[in-house]
Amino acid sequence: MVPLGSVERLATIDTHEWITIASCAGHLSLATIALRRLSKSPLALPLALLCLDLFVISAADVAFHLTGAQQWQWLDVSCASLMVPLAVRFVLAFVGRSRALAWMSRAFALYFGLIALGCAAAFLGFDWARTLASPEIFARVVAPGAVAAIVALGYLFVSHLGATHSPLERARTWLVISGIAVGTAGNTCDLLANAGFDVYRLGPSSLLITTLVLTVAALRVGLFERRISWLIAANGLMLGGLQVTGYFAVFYLFGGNTALLTIGIGALTLALVPALVAMTRAAAVRRQRLEYHATLGRFSAQMAHDLRNPLAAIKGAAQYLKEEQARGNPLADAGDFLTLIVDQADRLDRVVAGYQRIGRIETALAPIELDAMVGQVLGGQALAAPPQITLERKLGALGSKCQADPDLLSAALENLVRNAFEAMPKGGVVTVQTEVEDGFLRLAVTDTGKGMDPRLVERAFADFFTTKTTGSGLGLPFVRRVAEAHGGDASLKSEEGKGTTVCVRIPISGV
């Protein structure tokens, strides 16, 4: 193609290309919004990567139209190959099955990753790679994987809708389905057109609609765990618009000069990447600090509670002895107070040793009757329960014993009950249930609080996880480690608006 002048290049931009340019701005804007929630939502990173990939695809399409340089088409198909695995990763994160179905994500990444590498090899001058990167051959190669992805995503969405009863989560799901469906339909039309079928190309229009739908989901129904403020959205839109304006200003000015075009695009990209990296690092640092202080606060609160009583007893005894000495009274009858001081000092030593053992999850096993242990713990927790909360017991493992560490198991149960209290600030019912199940003693704590969506459920047992700004105990990761230290397991089921159940299972064998 003969290089065009600036005016001629501007004249060649049709409605299709202007829509593609608008899509570029939308992709960058949504990526910016997602990166602002990187430390809060498991959806943020996969969606940001998908949007950045879509941005490169759209920008390369416009650049190819403006310059006619074949390299832009190679870049387009190379990045288009990554769109499907990135979409699969995003959907798996949305339905809360990233870990359970990690093999699916890896399979699609391998299939389409190899195609992307093959297309990228066109830049190295390989004829077979340039043939693969041609629109018709590329469409035929990616078609089987794309069909498999559509079937897999359809199954994931149907399963998720069937298991979800929360109106808010169903609203989120239908918005995500709508966005993915529109984008899939548009790109399918483009693949069919590339394969030689007489089909109108809808890719840019569909991707623009997809971006708008997902932005609405972020702003209105809490796609990233909570609603995004309009200020953040405006900042994202402004950054995306400025970046896209800069890119296409370079295309307009230097489209006929490959060297200047490369330098201009490189400079703008180098300006964008540090901004995104700095935003990501700032969010990660902020998250680490919050996690550290939250964990330290919870641990300190529990330790203060356990140390306060023996310290008060020691202080009281010491003050009495000091007053007796000041009055000149003989201390011959102070043996009981001295004994109290020694006993409470020993108690403090046991508390400190206990915290060290709990921190290392070192078990000191002994035969215990689960129902008796639960009854003892709940006796103390009933007094600490807020007045608007009812604590119910359904103990069905009477007489059943297991080998367990009573201190660790009691600490785990106390933590679960307190978490349940804190999950119901407006009141509710906490039910503690025990039963014998397939060679295990099952201990379950259920609350009627606000519950969690599937994305929170998937990472509930991750270190430092919490849905509250404050809390007590050592957290769900501690509960899981206690269960595993006893040869058992821990699980969680939750639904928004219905409540949460945490289950701990300890094997009966070995008693």
Foldseek 3Di string as FASTA:
>chain_A
DAADALVVLVVQQDPVLVLLLLLLLLLQLLLLLLLLLVLQFPLSVLSNVLSVLSNLLSLLVSLCSSQVDCVSLLSNLLSVLCNLLSLLCNLCLLLQNCPVVVVVSVVSCVQSVVLSVLSVCVVVVDPVSVVCSQLQNVLVSCVVVLVVSVVVSVVSLVVSVVVADDPLSVVLSVLLVQLVVLQSVQVNQSSCVSNPDPGDHRNSVSSSVSSVSVLCCQQPRPSSVDHDDVVSSVVSSVVSVVLSVQLVVLCSHCSNPVVSNVVSVVVSVVVPVVVSVVSNVVSVVVSVVLLVVQQVQQAVVVLCVQLVVLVVLLVVLVVVVVVCVVVVHDCPVSVVSVVSNVVSVVSNVVSVVVVVCLVVLPWDWDKDQVVVLVVVLVVVVVVVAPPQEAEEEAEARPPQIAITRSVLVSLLVNQLVQLLSVLCPPHWYWYWYWHDDDQKIKTKIKTQGQWDRSSCQSCQLPQSDDPDSHGHGNGNVSSQSRLVSQVWGKHKDIHGRGTIMIMGIHGRPDD
